Amino acid sequence: MNNRRAWGSSPWTGLLILFSALALSALAVKALAIPPLSLDGYRHEKLPDAPKKKVEVMVDNGACYVCHGNYDGEELALGHAKGGVGCIKCHGESIAHRNDEDNITPPDIMYPADRIDAKCAECHREHDVPAREVIARWKERCPDKKDAGKLVCTDCHGRHRLARRTVEWDKKTRKLILRSTD
């Protein structure tokens, strides 16, 4: 009698056949796989800007940025925050405004155009920019303002205005003027 077993009768035969089948099916899948995506037509696509460098600020305006996120990084707000001056310094605590989910309660303090320069002058006593730079900035930022007497600090220093308003108050009386529902 022959002590050798037939190839198919080994206990490892089933596993060997299974692994062989898996290896062949993996090769078949790889052969049928979709080729890598082409970058043709996307070579000049603009990638998202890199994350902005974290700027160290001395105040936390986070409660205001919940609704007014457009001011996070805005020139005027950021410059003041670096110096330790937050929204509250100019606009008051505005607790009712911050807690109003209907968005109809105005901030404690608002500035009509005729009060902006006086408020800025409380801290900024001098304006040491050459006239040609002031005129250049005026032409760039306020082409519709023809009368220099109508210019205010925020025309040149930051845009400190909402791009789209859903609510507007009379800044002197704090009465609601406009409430958009869209």
N, C-alpha and C. Protein backbone atom coordinates (compact mmCIF):
# COMPACT_ATOMS: atom_id res chain seq x y z
N MET A 1 0.83 -1.18 0.00
CA MET A 1 0.00 0.00 0.00
C MET A 1 0.86 1.23 0.00
N ASN A 2 0.34 2.17 -0.66
CA ASN A 2 1.05 3.45 -0.76
C ASN A 2 0.56 4.37 0.35
N ASN A 3 1.51 4.92 1.17
CA ASN A 3 1.13 5.81 2.26
C ASN A 3 0.88 7.26 1.80
N ARG A 4 1.15 7.51 0.57
CA ARG A 4 0.92 8.89 0.08
C ARG A 4 -0.55 9.10 -0.20
N ARG A 5 -1.04 10.16 0.24
CA ARG A 5 -2.44 10.50 -0.04
C ARG A 5 -2.55 11.16 -1.40
N ALA A 6 -3.68 11.13 -1.90
CA ALA A 6 -3.93 11.85 -3.16
C ALA A 6 -3.92 13.34 -2.84
N TRP A 7 -3.50 14.15 -3.83
CA TRP A 7 -3.37 15.61 -3.63
C TRP A 7 -4.65 16.21 -3.09
N GLY A 8 -5.77 15.78 -3.55
CA GLY A 8 -7.05 16.36 -3.16
C GLY A 8 -7.53 15.94 -1.79
N SER A 9 -6.89 15.03 -1.18
CA SER A 9 -7.40 14.56 0.10
C SER A 9 -6.69 15.19 1.29
N SER A 10 -5.75 16.13 1.07
CA SER A 10 -5.05 16.79 2.16
C SER A 10 -6.00 17.73 2.91
N PRO A 11 -5.80 17.88 4.26
CA PRO A 11 -6.66 18.81 5.01
C PRO A 11 -6.45 20.26 4.58
N TRP A 12 -5.34 20.58 4.01
CA TRP A 12 -5.05 21.95 3.58
C TRP A 12 -5.57 22.24 2.17
N THR A 13 -6.01 21.25 1.50
CA THR A 13 -6.44 21.41 0.12
C THR A 13 -7.57 22.42 0.00
N GLY A 14 -8.54 22.33 0.86
CA GLY A 14 -9.68 23.26 0.80
C GLY A 14 -9.24 24.71 0.97
N LEU A 15 -8.35 24.93 1.93
CA LEU A 15 -7.85 26.29 2.15
C LEU A 15 -7.03 26.77 0.96
N LEU A 16 -6.21 25.88 0.41
CA LEU A 16 -5.39 26.25 -0.74
C LEU A 16 -6.26 26.63 -1.93
N ILE A 17 -7.30 25.89 -2.14
CA ILE A 17 -8.21 26.19 -3.25
C ILE A 17 -8.92 27.52 -3.00
N LEU A 18 -9.36 27.75 -1.75
CA LEU A 18 -10.04 28.99 -1.40
C LEU A 18 -9.13 30.20 -1.61
N PHE A 19 -7.89 30.14 -1.08
CA PHE A 19 -6.95 31.26 -1.25
C PHE A 19 -6.62 31.50 -2.72
N SER A 20 -6.49 30.43 -3.48
CA SER A 20 -6.20 30.57 -4.92
C SER A 20 -7.36 31.27 -5.62
N ALA A 21 -8.57 30.91 -5.26
CA ALA A 21 -9.75 31.53 -5.87
C ALA A 21 -9.83 33.01 -5.51
N LEU A 22 -9.55 33.33 -4.22
CA LEU A 22 -9.57 34.74 -3.80
C LEU A 22 -8.51 35.56 -4.53
N ALA A 23 -7.32 34.99 -4.68
CA ALA A 23 -6.24 35.70 -5.37
C ALA A 23 -6.61 35.95 -6.82
N LEU A 24 -7.18 34.94 -7.48
CA LEU A 24 -7.58 35.11 -8.88
C LEU A 24 -8.70 36.13 -9.01
N SER A 25 -9.67 36.12 -8.07
CA SER A 25 -10.77 37.09 -8.16
C SER A 25 -10.26 38.51 -7.90
N ALA A 26 -9.27 38.68 -7.01
CA ALA A 26 -8.69 40.00 -6.77
C ALA A 26 -8.00 40.51 -8.02
N LEU A 27 -7.29 39.61 -8.72
CA LEU A 27 -6.63 40.01 -9.97
C LEU A 27 -7.67 40.39 -11.02
N ALA A 28 -8.75 39.64 -11.07
CA ALA A 28 -9.81 39.93 -12.05
C ALA A 28 -10.45 41.28 -11.76
N VAL A 29 -10.71 41.58 -10.49
CA VAL A 29 -11.30 42.87 -10.11
C VAL A 29 -10.35 44.00 -10.47
N LYS A 30 -9.05 43.81 -10.18
CA LYS A 30 -8.07 44.85 -10.49
C LYS A 30 -8.01 45.09 -11.99
N ALA A 31 -8.10 44.03 -12.78
CA ALA A 31 -8.05 44.16 -14.23
C ALA A 31 -9.27 44.90 -14.76
N LEU A 32 -10.40 44.75 -14.09
CA LEU A 32 -11.63 45.39 -14.53
C LEU A 32 -11.86 46.77 -13.90
N ALA A 33 -11.00 47.17 -13.00
CA ALA A 33 -11.18 48.43 -12.28
C ALA A 33 -11.13 49.61 -13.24
N ILE A 34 -11.84 50.67 -12.85
CA ILE A 34 -11.87 51.90 -13.64
C ILE A 34 -10.50 52.55 -13.55
N PRO A 35 -9.99 53.05 -14.67
CA PRO A 35 -8.68 53.71 -14.62
C PRO A 35 -8.73 54.95 -13.74
N PRO A 36 -7.58 55.41 -13.25
CA PRO A 36 -7.56 56.61 -12.40
C PRO A 36 -8.18 57.79 -13.14
N LEU A 37 -8.76 58.71 -12.37
CA LEU A 37 -9.37 59.89 -12.95
C LEU A 37 -8.32 60.75 -13.64
N SER A 38 -8.71 61.36 -14.70
CA SER A 38 -7.81 62.25 -15.42
C SER A 38 -7.92 63.65 -14.86
N LEU A 39 -6.84 64.38 -14.86
CA LEU A 39 -6.85 65.77 -14.42
C LEU A 39 -7.02 66.73 -15.59
N ASP A 40 -7.18 66.18 -16.79
CA ASP A 40 -7.40 67.05 -17.95
C ASP A 40 -8.63 67.92 -17.72
N GLY A 41 -8.51 69.18 -18.02
CA GLY A 41 -9.60 70.11 -17.83
C GLY A 41 -9.64 70.72 -16.44
N TYR A 42 -8.82 70.22 -15.53
CA TYR A 42 -8.80 70.73 -14.17
C TYR A 42 -7.45 71.33 -13.79
N ARG A 43 -6.55 71.42 -14.75
CA ARG A 43 -5.19 71.88 -14.45
C ARG A 43 -5.14 73.31 -13.94
N HIS A 44 -6.12 74.14 -14.31
CA HIS A 44 -6.10 75.54 -13.90
C HIS A 44 -7.19 75.84 -12.88
N GLU A 45 -7.76 74.80 -12.32
CA GLU A 45 -8.80 74.99 -11.32
C GLU A 45 -8.20 75.63 -10.07
N LYS A 46 -8.90 76.63 -9.54
CA LYS A 46 -8.41 77.33 -8.34
C LYS A 46 -8.74 76.50 -7.12
N LEU A 47 -7.72 76.18 -6.37
CA LEU A 47 -7.90 75.43 -5.14
C LEU A 47 -8.34 76.39 -4.03
N PRO A 48 -9.00 75.86 -3.02
CA PRO A 48 -9.40 76.75 -1.90
C PRO A 48 -8.16 77.39 -1.28
N ASP A 49 -8.35 78.60 -0.78
CA ASP A 49 -7.25 79.29 -0.11
C ASP A 49 -6.82 78.50 1.12
N ALA A 50 -5.57 78.60 1.42
CA ALA A 50 -5.05 77.95 2.63
C ALA A 50 -5.71 78.58 3.84
N PRO A 51 -5.83 77.84 4.90
CA PRO A 51 -6.43 78.42 6.11
C PRO A 51 -5.66 79.66 6.53
N LYS A 52 -6.42 80.65 7.00
CA LYS A 52 -5.80 81.89 7.44
C LYS A 52 -4.94 81.64 8.67
N LYS A 53 -3.86 82.37 8.73
CA LYS A 53 -2.97 82.26 9.88
C LYS A 53 -3.72 82.74 11.12
N LYS A 54 -3.61 81.98 12.17
CA LYS A 54 -4.29 82.34 13.42
C LYS A 54 -3.69 83.63 13.96
N VAL A 55 -4.55 84.59 14.22
CA VAL A 55 -4.11 85.89 14.74
C VAL A 55 -4.44 85.95 16.22
N GLU A 56 -3.49 86.38 16.99
CA GLU A 56 -3.68 86.48 18.44
C GLU A 56 -4.46 87.76 18.76
N VAL A 57 -5.63 87.60 19.36
CA VAL A 57 -6.45 88.74 19.74
C VAL A 57 -6.54 88.80 21.26
N MET A 58 -6.82 89.99 21.76
CA MET A 58 -6.86 90.20 23.21
C MET A 58 -8.28 90.18 23.78
N VAL A 59 -9.30 90.08 22.92
CA VAL A 59 -10.69 90.04 23.38
C VAL A 59 -11.41 88.92 22.65
N ASP A 60 -12.52 88.48 23.22
CA ASP A 60 -13.34 87.44 22.61
C ASP A 60 -14.64 88.08 22.12
N ASN A 61 -14.78 88.18 20.82
CA ASN A 61 -16.01 88.71 20.22
C ASN A 61 -16.93 87.59 19.75
N GLY A 62 -16.67 86.38 20.22
CA GLY A 62 -17.42 85.21 19.77
C GLY A 62 -18.93 85.33 19.90
N ALA A 63 -19.42 85.96 20.94
CA ALA A 63 -20.86 86.11 21.12
C ALA A 63 -21.47 86.95 20.00
N CYS A 64 -20.71 87.89 19.49
CA CYS A 64 -21.20 88.74 18.39
C CYS A 64 -21.08 88.00 17.06
N TYR A 65 -19.99 87.24 16.90
CA TYR A 65 -19.74 86.54 15.64
C TYR A 65 -20.71 85.41 15.38
N VAL A 66 -21.49 85.02 16.39
CA VAL A 66 -22.51 83.99 16.16
C VAL A 66 -23.42 84.44 15.02
N CYS A 67 -23.82 85.70 15.04
CA CYS A 67 -24.67 86.23 13.96
C CYS A 67 -23.89 87.10 12.98
N HIS A 68 -22.87 87.75 13.45
CA HIS A 68 -22.10 88.68 12.63
C HIS A 68 -20.74 88.10 12.27
N GLY A 69 -20.75 86.87 11.74
CA GLY A 69 -19.52 86.18 11.39
C GLY A 69 -18.69 86.90 10.35
N ASN A 70 -19.34 87.77 9.57
CA ASN A 70 -18.61 88.51 8.54
C ASN A 70 -17.60 89.49 9.15
N TYR A 71 -17.72 89.78 10.43
CA TYR A 71 -16.77 90.69 11.08
C TYR A 71 -15.56 89.96 11.66
N ASP A 72 -15.62 88.63 11.71
CA ASP A 72 -14.47 87.85 12.20
C ASP A 72 -13.39 87.93 11.13
N GLY A 73 -12.37 88.69 11.38
CA GLY A 73 -11.31 88.90 10.39
C GLY A 73 -11.46 90.19 9.61
N GLU A 74 -12.56 90.91 9.79
CA GLU A 74 -12.76 92.20 9.13
C GLU A 74 -11.74 93.19 9.68
N GLU A 75 -11.19 94.01 8.84
CA GLU A 75 -10.07 94.90 9.17
C GLU A 75 -10.29 95.70 10.45
N LEU A 76 -11.40 96.38 10.57
CA LEU A 76 -11.64 97.23 11.74
C LEU A 76 -11.81 96.40 13.02
N ALA A 77 -12.62 95.36 12.96
CA ALA A 77 -12.86 94.53 14.15
C ALA A 77 -11.58 93.80 14.57
N LEU A 78 -10.85 93.26 13.62
CA LEU A 78 -9.63 92.53 13.94
C LEU A 78 -8.55 93.45 14.52
N GLY A 79 -8.39 94.62 13.91
CA GLY A 79 -7.40 95.57 14.43
C GLY A 79 -7.69 95.98 15.86
N HIS A 80 -8.94 96.22 16.15
CA HIS A 80 -9.31 96.59 17.52
C HIS A 80 -9.13 95.41 18.47
N ALA A 81 -9.53 94.20 18.04
CA ALA A 81 -9.41 93.02 18.90
C ALA A 81 -7.96 92.73 19.26
N LYS A 82 -7.05 92.98 18.32
CA LYS A 82 -5.62 92.79 18.62
C LYS A 82 -5.17 93.74 19.72
N GLY A 83 -5.78 94.91 19.77
CA GLY A 83 -5.44 95.91 20.78
C GLY A 83 -6.26 95.80 22.05
N GLY A 84 -7.10 94.77 22.15
CA GLY A 84 -7.88 94.57 23.36
C GLY A 84 -9.21 95.32 23.38
N VAL A 85 -9.65 95.80 22.25
CA VAL A 85 -10.93 96.53 22.17
C VAL A 85 -11.93 95.65 21.42
N GLY A 86 -12.97 95.23 22.13
CA GLY A 86 -13.98 94.37 21.53
C GLY A 86 -15.23 95.12 21.14
N CYS A 87 -16.16 94.40 20.58
CA CYS A 87 -17.43 94.98 20.12
C CYS A 87 -18.14 95.72 21.25
N ILE A 88 -18.08 95.17 22.46
CA ILE A 88 -18.78 95.74 23.61
C ILE A 88 -18.31 97.16 23.90
N LYS A 89 -17.05 97.44 23.68
CA LYS A 89 -16.51 98.78 23.97
C LYS A 89 -17.28 99.87 23.21
N CYS A 90 -17.64 99.59 21.98
CA CYS A 90 -18.34 100.59 21.17
C CYS A 90 -19.86 100.39 21.13
N HIS A 91 -20.30 99.14 21.20
CA HIS A 91 -21.73 98.87 21.03
C HIS A 91 -22.45 98.46 22.30
N GLY A 92 -21.76 98.49 23.45
CA GLY A 92 -22.38 98.12 24.72
C GLY A 92 -22.54 96.62 24.85
N GLU A 93 -22.99 96.18 26.02
CA GLU A 93 -23.18 94.75 26.28
C GLU A 93 -24.19 94.14 25.32
N SER A 94 -25.23 94.88 24.99
CA SER A 94 -26.26 94.44 24.02
C SER A 94 -26.81 93.06 24.32
N ILE A 95 -27.05 92.78 25.59
CA ILE A 95 -27.56 91.46 26.01
C ILE A 95 -28.89 91.14 25.34
N ALA A 96 -29.82 92.09 25.33
CA ALA A 96 -31.13 91.84 24.71
C ALA A 96 -30.97 91.59 23.21
N HIS A 97 -30.09 92.31 22.57
CA HIS A 97 -29.82 92.13 21.14
C HIS A 97 -29.26 90.73 20.89
N ARG A 98 -28.30 90.32 21.70
CA ARG A 98 -27.68 89.00 21.52
C ARG A 98 -28.65 87.86 21.79
N ASN A 99 -29.63 88.07 22.67
CA ASN A 99 -30.57 87.01 23.03
C ASN A 99 -31.85 87.01 22.19
N ASP A 100 -31.97 87.93 21.26
CA ASP A 100 -33.19 88.07 20.47
C ASP A 100 -33.12 87.20 19.20
N GLU A 101 -33.74 86.04 19.25
CA GLU A 101 -33.73 85.15 18.09
C GLU A 101 -34.60 85.68 16.95
N ASP A 102 -35.51 86.61 17.24
CA ASP A 102 -36.32 87.22 16.18
C ASP A 102 -35.56 88.32 15.46
N ASN A 103 -34.44 88.73 16.02
CA ASN A 103 -33.57 89.73 15.41
C ASN A 103 -34.24 91.08 15.18
N ILE A 104 -34.98 91.53 16.18
CA ILE A 104 -35.60 92.85 16.04
C ILE A 104 -35.14 93.83 17.13
N THR A 105 -34.37 93.35 18.09
CA THR A 105 -33.86 94.21 19.15
C THR A 105 -32.52 94.79 18.72
N PRO A 106 -32.39 96.10 18.70
CA PRO A 106 -31.12 96.71 18.24
C PRO A 106 -30.02 96.58 19.30
N PRO A 107 -28.77 96.74 18.88
CA PRO A 107 -27.69 96.79 19.87
C PRO A 107 -27.91 98.00 20.79
N ASP A 108 -27.25 97.99 21.94
CA ASP A 108 -27.40 99.10 22.89
C ASP A 108 -26.96 100.43 22.29
N ILE A 109 -25.88 100.42 21.54
CA ILE A 109 -25.34 101.67 20.99
C ILE A 109 -25.09 101.49 19.50
N MET A 110 -25.61 102.42 18.71
CA MET A 110 -25.38 102.44 17.26
C MET A 110 -24.87 103.83 16.89
N TYR A 111 -24.29 103.92 15.72
CA TYR A 111 -23.68 105.18 15.31
C TYR A 111 -24.21 105.65 13.96
N PRO A 112 -25.05 106.69 13.98
CA PRO A 112 -25.40 107.30 12.70
C PRO A 112 -24.14 107.97 12.14
N ALA A 113 -24.12 108.21 10.86
CA ALA A 113 -22.93 108.76 10.20
C ALA A 113 -22.36 109.98 10.91
N ASP A 114 -23.22 110.84 11.42
CA ASP A 114 -22.72 112.08 12.04
C ASP A 114 -22.08 111.86 13.42
N ARG A 115 -22.12 110.63 13.96
CA ARG A 115 -21.50 110.33 15.25
C ARG A 115 -20.27 109.42 15.15
N ILE A 116 -20.00 108.87 13.97
CA ILE A 116 -18.90 107.92 13.81
C ILE A 116 -17.55 108.55 14.11
N ASP A 117 -17.26 109.67 13.48
CA ASP A 117 -15.95 110.30 13.66
C ASP A 117 -15.69 110.70 15.12
N ALA A 118 -16.70 111.21 15.78
CA ALA A 118 -16.54 111.61 17.18
C ALA A 118 -16.23 110.40 18.06
N LYS A 119 -16.89 109.28 17.80
CA LYS A 119 -16.62 108.07 18.58
C LYS A 119 -15.19 107.58 18.34
N CYS A 120 -14.76 107.56 17.09
CA CYS A 120 -13.40 107.12 16.77
C CYS A 120 -12.36 108.04 17.42
N ALA A 121 -12.67 109.33 17.45
CA ALA A 121 -11.72 110.32 18.00
C ALA A 121 -11.54 110.18 19.51
N GLU A 122 -12.45 109.49 20.19
CA GLU A 122 -12.29 109.27 21.62
C GLU A 122 -10.99 108.50 21.91
N CYS A 123 -10.61 107.63 21.03
CA CYS A 123 -9.37 106.83 21.21
C CYS A 123 -8.28 107.23 20.22
N HIS A 124 -8.67 107.58 19.02
CA HIS A 124 -7.72 107.90 17.96
C HIS A 124 -7.68 109.41 17.79
N ARG A 125 -6.74 110.04 18.45
CA ARG A 125 -6.69 111.51 18.49
C ARG A 125 -6.08 112.12 17.23
N GLU A 126 -5.24 111.37 16.54
CA GLU A 126 -4.56 111.93 15.37
C GLU A 126 -4.86 111.10 14.13
N HIS A 127 -4.70 111.75 13.00
CA HIS A 127 -4.81 111.08 11.71
C HIS A 127 -3.58 111.49 10.93
N ASP A 128 -2.58 110.62 10.92
CA ASP A 128 -1.29 111.00 10.36
C ASP A 128 -1.02 110.38 8.98
N VAL A 129 -2.04 110.30 8.16
CA VAL A 129 -1.89 109.75 6.82
C VAL A 129 -1.79 110.90 5.81
N PRO A 130 -0.84 110.80 4.88
CA PRO A 130 -0.71 111.86 3.86
C PRO A 130 -2.01 112.03 3.07
N ALA A 131 -2.29 113.26 2.69
CA ALA A 131 -3.53 113.58 1.98
C ALA A 131 -3.70 112.75 0.71
N ARG A 132 -2.61 112.52 -0.04
CA ARG A 132 -2.75 111.77 -1.30
C ARG A 132 -3.25 110.35 -1.03
N GLU A 133 -2.85 109.75 0.11
CA GLU A 133 -3.33 108.41 0.44
C GLU A 133 -4.80 108.44 0.84
N VAL A 134 -5.20 109.48 1.54
CA VAL A 134 -6.60 109.64 1.93
C VAL A 134 -7.46 109.78 0.68
N ILE A 135 -7.02 110.60 -0.25
CA ILE A 135 -7.78 110.81 -1.50
C ILE A 135 -7.84 109.53 -2.32
N ALA A 136 -6.73 108.80 -2.40
CA ALA A 136 -6.71 107.55 -3.16
C ALA A 136 -7.69 106.54 -2.55
N ARG A 137 -7.70 106.42 -1.23
CA ARG A 137 -8.61 105.49 -0.57
C ARG A 137 -10.05 105.93 -0.75
N TRP A 138 -10.28 107.24 -0.69
CA TRP A 138 -11.62 107.80 -0.90
C TRP A 138 -12.13 107.40 -2.28
N LYS A 139 -11.31 107.58 -3.30
CA LYS A 139 -11.72 107.25 -4.67
C LYS A 139 -11.97 105.75 -4.83
N GLU A 140 -11.16 104.96 -4.17
CA GLU A 140 -11.29 103.51 -4.27
C GLU A 140 -12.53 102.99 -3.56
N ARG A 141 -12.76 103.46 -2.35
CA ARG A 141 -13.83 102.90 -1.52
C ARG A 141 -15.16 103.63 -1.60
N CYS A 142 -15.14 104.90 -1.92
CA CYS A 142 -16.38 105.69 -1.88
C CYS A 142 -16.55 106.53 -3.15
N PRO A 143 -16.55 105.92 -4.30
CA PRO A 143 -16.65 106.72 -5.53
C PRO A 143 -17.95 107.52 -5.63
N ASP A 144 -18.98 107.08 -4.92
CA ASP A 144 -20.27 107.80 -4.97
C ASP A 144 -20.31 109.02 -4.05
N LYS A 145 -19.40 109.09 -3.09
CA LYS A 145 -19.37 110.24 -2.18
C LYS A 145 -18.52 111.34 -2.80
N LYS A 146 -19.17 112.36 -3.26
CA LYS A 146 -18.47 113.47 -3.93
C LYS A 146 -18.07 114.57 -2.95
N ASP A 147 -18.76 114.65 -1.81
CA ASP A 147 -18.51 115.68 -0.82
C ASP A 147 -17.62 115.13 0.29
N ALA A 148 -16.41 115.66 0.43
CA ALA A 148 -15.47 115.19 1.45
C ALA A 148 -16.05 115.34 2.85
N GLY A 149 -16.95 116.26 3.04
CA GLY A 149 -17.58 116.46 4.35
C GLY A 149 -18.48 115.31 4.75
N LYS A 150 -18.84 114.46 3.82
CA LYS A 150 -19.71 113.31 4.11
C LYS A 150 -18.92 112.05 4.44
N LEU A 151 -17.59 112.10 4.27
CA LEU A 151 -16.77 110.94 4.59
C LEU A 151 -16.70 110.72 6.09
N VAL A 152 -16.67 109.45 6.49
CA VAL A 152 -16.51 109.11 7.90
C VAL A 152 -15.36 108.11 8.02
N CYS A 153 -14.84 107.93 9.20
CA CYS A 153 -13.67 107.07 9.43
C CYS A 153 -13.83 105.68 8.82
N THR A 154 -15.02 105.08 8.98
CA THR A 154 -15.22 103.72 8.50
C THR A 154 -15.34 103.62 6.98
N ASP A 155 -15.36 104.74 6.29
CA ASP A 155 -15.32 104.68 4.83
C ASP A 155 -13.95 104.18 4.37
N CYS A 156 -12.91 104.54 5.11
CA CYS A 156 -11.55 104.13 4.75
C CYS A 156 -11.01 103.01 5.64
N HIS A 157 -11.39 103.01 6.90
CA HIS A 157 -10.84 102.05 7.86
C HIS A 157 -11.83 100.93 8.10
N GLY A 158 -11.71 99.88 7.34
CA GLY A 158 -12.61 98.74 7.47
C GLY A 158 -13.90 98.99 6.73
N ARG A 159 -14.62 97.93 6.48
CA ARG A 159 -15.91 98.04 5.79
C ARG A 159 -17.04 97.98 6.81
N HIS A 160 -16.80 97.80 8.00
CA HIS A 160 -17.70 97.64 9.13
C HIS A 160 -19.18 97.88 8.81
N ARG A 161 -19.65 97.21 7.77
CA ARG A 161 -21.05 97.28 7.37
C ARG A 161 -21.47 95.89 6.90
N LEU A 162 -22.71 95.56 7.10
CA LEU A 162 -23.21 94.27 6.61
C LEU A 162 -23.44 94.38 5.10
N ALA A 163 -23.06 93.34 4.37
CA ALA A 163 -23.26 93.33 2.92
C ALA A 163 -24.75 93.25 2.58
N ARG A 164 -25.50 92.53 3.39
CA ARG A 164 -26.94 92.39 3.16
C ARG A 164 -27.63 92.53 4.50
N ARG A 165 -28.57 93.43 4.56
CA ARG A 165 -29.30 93.67 5.81
C ARG A 165 -30.66 93.01 5.75
N THR A 166 -31.03 92.33 6.82
CA THR A 166 -32.38 91.79 6.94
C THR A 166 -33.17 92.62 7.93
N VAL A 167 -32.44 93.40 8.75
CA VAL A 167 -33.07 94.27 9.74
C VAL A 167 -32.31 95.59 9.72
N GLU A 168 -33.07 96.69 9.84
CA GLU A 168 -32.42 98.00 9.92
C GLU A 168 -33.17 98.84 10.94
N TRP A 169 -32.39 99.53 11.75
CA TRP A 169 -32.96 100.41 12.76
C TRP A 169 -32.53 101.83 12.47
N ASP A 170 -33.34 102.79 12.94
CA ASP A 170 -32.91 104.18 12.94
C ASP A 170 -31.83 104.26 14.02
N LYS A 171 -30.64 104.63 13.64
CA LYS A 171 -29.51 104.58 14.58
C LYS A 171 -29.58 105.65 15.66
N LYS A 172 -30.42 106.64 15.48
CA LYS A 172 -30.58 107.66 16.52
C LYS A 172 -31.69 107.29 17.50
N THR A 173 -32.83 106.81 16.98
CA THR A 173 -33.97 106.50 17.84
C THR A 173 -34.04 105.02 18.24
N ARG A 174 -33.29 104.15 17.55
CA ARG A 174 -33.28 102.71 17.74
C ARG A 174 -34.61 102.05 17.36
N LYS A 175 -35.43 102.75 16.60
CA LYS A 175 -36.70 102.19 16.13
C LYS A 175 -36.47 101.32 14.90
N LEU A 176 -37.22 100.22 14.80
CA LEU A 176 -37.12 99.30 13.68
C LEU A 176 -37.64 99.98 12.41
N ILE A 177 -36.85 99.98 11.35
CA ILE A 177 -37.25 100.57 10.07
C ILE A 177 -37.60 99.50 9.06
N LEU A 178 -36.79 98.44 9.00
CA LEU A 178 -36.93 97.43 7.97
C LEU A 178 -36.71 96.06 8.58
N ARG A 179 -37.57 95.12 8.20
CA ARG A 179 -37.36 93.73 8.57
C ARG A 179 -37.73 92.88 7.37
N SER A 180 -36.73 92.29 6.75
CA SER A 180 -36.93 91.48 5.57
C SER A 180 -37.20 90.04 6.01
N THR A 181 -38.10 89.36 5.34
CA THR A 181 -38.42 87.98 5.71
C THR A 181 -37.76 86.97 4.79
N ASP A 182 -37.01 87.43 3.80
CA ASP A 182 -36.37 86.46 2.88
C ASP A 182 -34.99 86.11 3.26
